[in-house]
N, C-alpha and C. Protein backbone atom coordinates (compact mmCIF):
# COMPACT_ATOMS: atom_id res chain seq x y z
N MET A 1 0.50 -1.53 0.10
CA MET A 1 -0.18 0.22 -0.02
C MET A 1 0.63 1.37 0.22
N ASP A 2 0.62 2.37 -0.69
CA ASP A 2 1.48 3.49 -1.03
C ASP A 2 0.86 4.43 0.31
N HIS A 3 1.50 5.48 1.01
CA HIS A 3 1.96 6.26 1.49
C HIS A 3 2.40 7.62 1.27
N ASN A 4 1.85 8.70 1.96
CA ASN A 4 2.70 9.70 1.93
C ASN A 4 3.64 10.01 2.85
N VAL A 5 4.53 10.15 2.12
CA VAL A 5 6.25 10.05 2.45
C VAL A 5 6.95 11.56 2.25
N SER A 6 7.58 11.72 3.41
CA SER A 6 8.35 12.99 3.23
C SER A 6 9.63 12.61 3.07
N LEU A 7 10.06 13.45 2.26
CA LEU A 7 11.37 12.90 2.09
C LEU A 7 12.64 14.30 2.39
N PHE A 8 13.30 14.03 3.20
CA PHE A 8 14.55 14.93 3.63
C PHE A 8 15.76 14.60 3.02
N LYS A 9 17.02 15.60 2.66
CA LYS A 9 18.12 15.27 2.36
C LYS A 9 18.85 16.49 2.48
N ALA A 10 20.45 16.19 3.16
CA ALA A 10 20.94 17.18 4.02
C ALA A 10 21.10 18.24 2.83
N TYR A 11 21.58 19.17 2.93
CA TYR A 11 22.05 20.01 2.41
C TYR A 11 23.25 19.94 1.70
N PRO A 12 23.84 20.10 0.50
CA PRO A 12 25.43 20.14 0.05
C PRO A 12 25.63 21.35 0.43
N PHE A 13 26.16 21.68 1.04
CA PHE A 13 26.76 23.11 1.57
C PHE A 13 28.09 23.18 0.81
N LYS A 14 28.29 24.40 0.52
CA LYS A 14 30.00 24.50 -0.24
C LYS A 14 30.33 25.92 -0.18
N GLU A 15 31.82 25.54 0.64
CA GLU A 15 32.66 26.74 0.74
C GLU A 15 32.85 28.11 0.19
N GLY A 16 32.33 29.00 1.05
CA GLY A 16 31.86 30.77 0.01
C GLY A 16 30.33 30.86 -0.15
N GLN A 17 29.49 29.97 0.20
CA GLN A 17 28.14 30.34 0.00
C GLN A 17 27.80 31.35 0.96
N LYS A 18 26.69 31.99 0.18
CA LYS A 18 25.85 33.12 1.33
C LYS A 18 24.77 32.45 1.76
N ILE A 19 24.04 32.13 2.63
CA ILE A 19 23.32 31.56 3.16
C ILE A 19 22.27 32.33 4.42
N ARG A 20 21.07 31.76 4.44
CA ARG A 20 19.85 32.96 5.10
C ARG A 20 19.35 31.70 5.66
N ILE A 21 19.70 31.33 7.42
CA ILE A 21 18.69 30.66 7.95
C ILE A 21 17.38 30.77 7.74
N GLU A 22 15.62 30.58 7.76
CA GLU A 22 14.87 31.11 8.51
C GLU A 22 14.29 29.69 9.34
N ASP A 23 13.23 30.50 10.43
CA ASP A 23 13.00 29.79 11.36
C ASP A 23 13.89 28.64 12.28
N SER A 24 14.76 28.89 12.74
CA SER A 24 15.67 28.49 13.45
C SER A 24 16.45 28.76 14.60
N PRO A 25 16.97 28.80 15.76
CA PRO A 25 17.26 29.30 16.36
C PRO A 25 18.48 30.01 16.22
N ARG A 26 19.13 29.46 15.13
CA ARG A 26 20.01 29.59 13.85
C ARG A 26 19.91 30.57 12.94
N SER A 27 18.79 31.23 13.02
CA SER A 27 18.13 32.19 12.18
C SER A 27 19.44 33.00 11.52
N GLY A 28 18.87 33.84 10.60
CA GLY A 28 20.10 34.84 10.15
C GLY A 28 20.92 34.58 9.10
N ASP A 29 21.89 35.80 8.90
CA ASP A 29 22.53 35.62 7.23
C ASP A 29 23.94 34.65 7.78
N TRP A 30 24.80 33.88 7.41
CA TRP A 30 25.81 33.29 7.24
C TRP A 30 26.52 32.87 6.07
N GLU A 31 27.69 33.08 6.51
CA GLU A 31 28.48 32.44 5.05
C GLU A 31 29.65 31.13 5.36
N VAL A 32 28.93 30.25 4.74
CA VAL A 32 29.59 29.23 4.84
C VAL A 32 31.80 29.16 4.97
N VAL A 33 32.37 28.67 5.43
CA VAL A 33 33.79 29.09 5.50
C VAL A 33 34.24 27.58 5.24
N LYS A 34 33.79 26.72 6.12
CA LYS A 34 34.35 25.41 5.97
C LYS A 34 33.00 23.90 6.07
N VAL A 35 33.27 23.09 5.27
CA VAL A 35 32.51 21.95 5.13
C VAL A 35 33.45 20.38 5.28
N THR A 36 32.99 19.70 6.28
CA THR A 36 33.55 18.69 6.62
C THR A 36 32.22 17.46 6.58
N GLU A 37 32.63 16.20 6.53
CA GLU A 37 31.49 15.39 6.44
C GLU A 37 30.80 14.86 7.47
N HIS A 38 30.57 15.56 8.66
CA HIS A 38 30.00 15.84 9.54
C HIS A 38 29.62 17.34 10.34
N LYS A 39 30.58 18.03 9.66
CA LYS A 39 30.16 19.98 10.43
C LYS A 39 30.32 20.69 9.21
N VAL A 40 29.63 22.01 9.72
CA VAL A 40 30.00 22.97 9.02
C VAL A 40 30.54 24.00 9.84
N THR A 41 31.54 24.93 9.29
CA THR A 41 31.80 25.82 10.35
C THR A 41 31.20 27.63 9.24
N LEU A 42 30.05 28.35 9.93
CA LEU A 42 29.44 29.72 9.46
C LEU A 42 30.07 30.23 10.72
N LYS A 43 30.36 31.79 9.76
CA LYS A 43 30.30 33.32 10.05
C LYS A 43 29.59 34.16 9.36
N CYS A 44 28.65 34.88 10.55
CA CYS A 44 28.13 35.84 10.47
C CYS A 44 28.71 37.17 10.05
N PRO A 45 28.21 37.37 9.30
CA PRO A 45 29.07 38.72 8.31
C PRO A 45 29.21 39.79 8.44
N ILE A 46 28.33 40.00 9.83
CA ILE A 46 28.03 41.63 10.48
C ILE A 46 29.44 41.41 12.21
N SER A 47 28.67 40.26 12.79
CA SER A 47 29.82 40.12 13.80
C SER A 47 30.82 39.84 13.45
N LYS A 48 31.60 38.95 12.32
CA LYS A 48 32.12 38.14 12.00
C LYS A 48 32.57 36.57 12.58
N LYS A 49 31.85 36.48 14.38
CA LYS A 49 31.90 35.77 14.68
C LYS A 49 31.32 33.90 14.19
N GLU A 50 32.59 33.45 14.22
CA GLU A 50 32.38 31.64 13.46
C GLU A 50 31.50 31.06 14.83
N MET A 51 30.87 30.20 13.88
CA MET A 51 30.47 29.02 14.43
C MET A 51 30.22 27.48 14.02
N VAL A 52 30.31 26.39 14.55
CA VAL A 52 31.11 24.86 14.23
C VAL A 52 29.61 24.38 14.91
N TRP A 53 28.63 23.95 13.53
CA TRP A 53 27.43 22.55 14.13
C TRP A 53 28.39 21.92 13.37
N SER A 54 27.20 20.87 13.71
CA SER A 54 26.87 19.27 13.12
C SER A 54 26.11 19.66 11.79
N ARG A 55 26.08 19.34 10.20
CA ARG A 55 25.21 19.77 9.70
C ARG A 55 23.84 19.62 9.81
N PHE A 56 22.80 20.47 9.44
CA PHE A 56 21.27 20.26 10.07
C PHE A 56 20.81 21.01 9.24
N CYS A 57 21.41 21.70 8.10
CA CYS A 57 19.71 22.32 6.88
C CYS A 57 19.36 21.50 5.88
N TYR A 58 18.14 21.67 5.81
CA TYR A 58 18.01 21.14 4.41
C TYR A 58 17.49 21.35 2.96
N ALA A 59 17.44 22.03 2.21
CA ALA A 59 17.36 22.75 1.10
C ALA A 59 15.97 22.85 0.79
N VAL A 60 15.42 24.39 0.76
CA VAL A 60 14.27 24.72 0.82
C VAL A 60 13.89 25.35 -0.78
N GLU A 61 14.34 26.43 -0.79
CA GLU A 61 14.47 26.86 -2.47
C GLU A 61 15.84 28.50 -2.13
N GLU A 62 16.26 28.31 -3.53
CA GLU A 62 17.03 29.14 -3.64
C GLU A 62 16.62 30.28 -3.97
N LYS A 63 16.95 31.92 -3.53
CA LYS A 63 16.68 33.11 -4.90
C LYS A 63 17.59 33.91 -4.63
N LEU A 64 17.34 34.98 -5.58
CA LEU A 64 18.32 36.13 -5.52
C LEU A 64 17.95 37.14 -4.93
N MET A 65 18.57 37.82 -3.85
CA MET A 65 18.34 38.31 -2.58
C MET A 65 19.07 39.30 -2.58
N PRO A 66 18.77 40.65 -1.48
CA PRO A 66 20.06 41.25 -1.08
C PRO A 66 20.36 40.48 0.59
N TRP A 67 22.06 40.56 0.30
CA TRP A 67 22.68 40.01 1.94
C TRP A 67 24.12 40.37 2.09
N PRO A 68 23.84 40.34 3.32
CA PRO A 68 23.35 40.51 4.51
C PRO A 68 22.75 40.84 4.25
N GLN A 69 21.63 40.94 5.39
CA GLN A 69 20.16 41.33 5.65
C GLN A 69 19.94 42.35 6.81
N VAL A 70 20.01 43.85 6.29
CA VAL A 70 20.18 44.79 7.55
C VAL A 70 19.32 45.24 8.04
């Protein structure tokens, strides 16, 4: 029997990407500075603070927009 199934894929981060995280405690604008198999290092373009987190994002959409959002 068929069922409605939601599929999720880990986002394929690339160093140098400009990203905006929405709907999360990590929300805001970030630059991807390092990517490993299990971790991603993100840098805030305003404070320059870097954070290392386990890979956590999933792709929703991509679009042209101003970055960083001030």
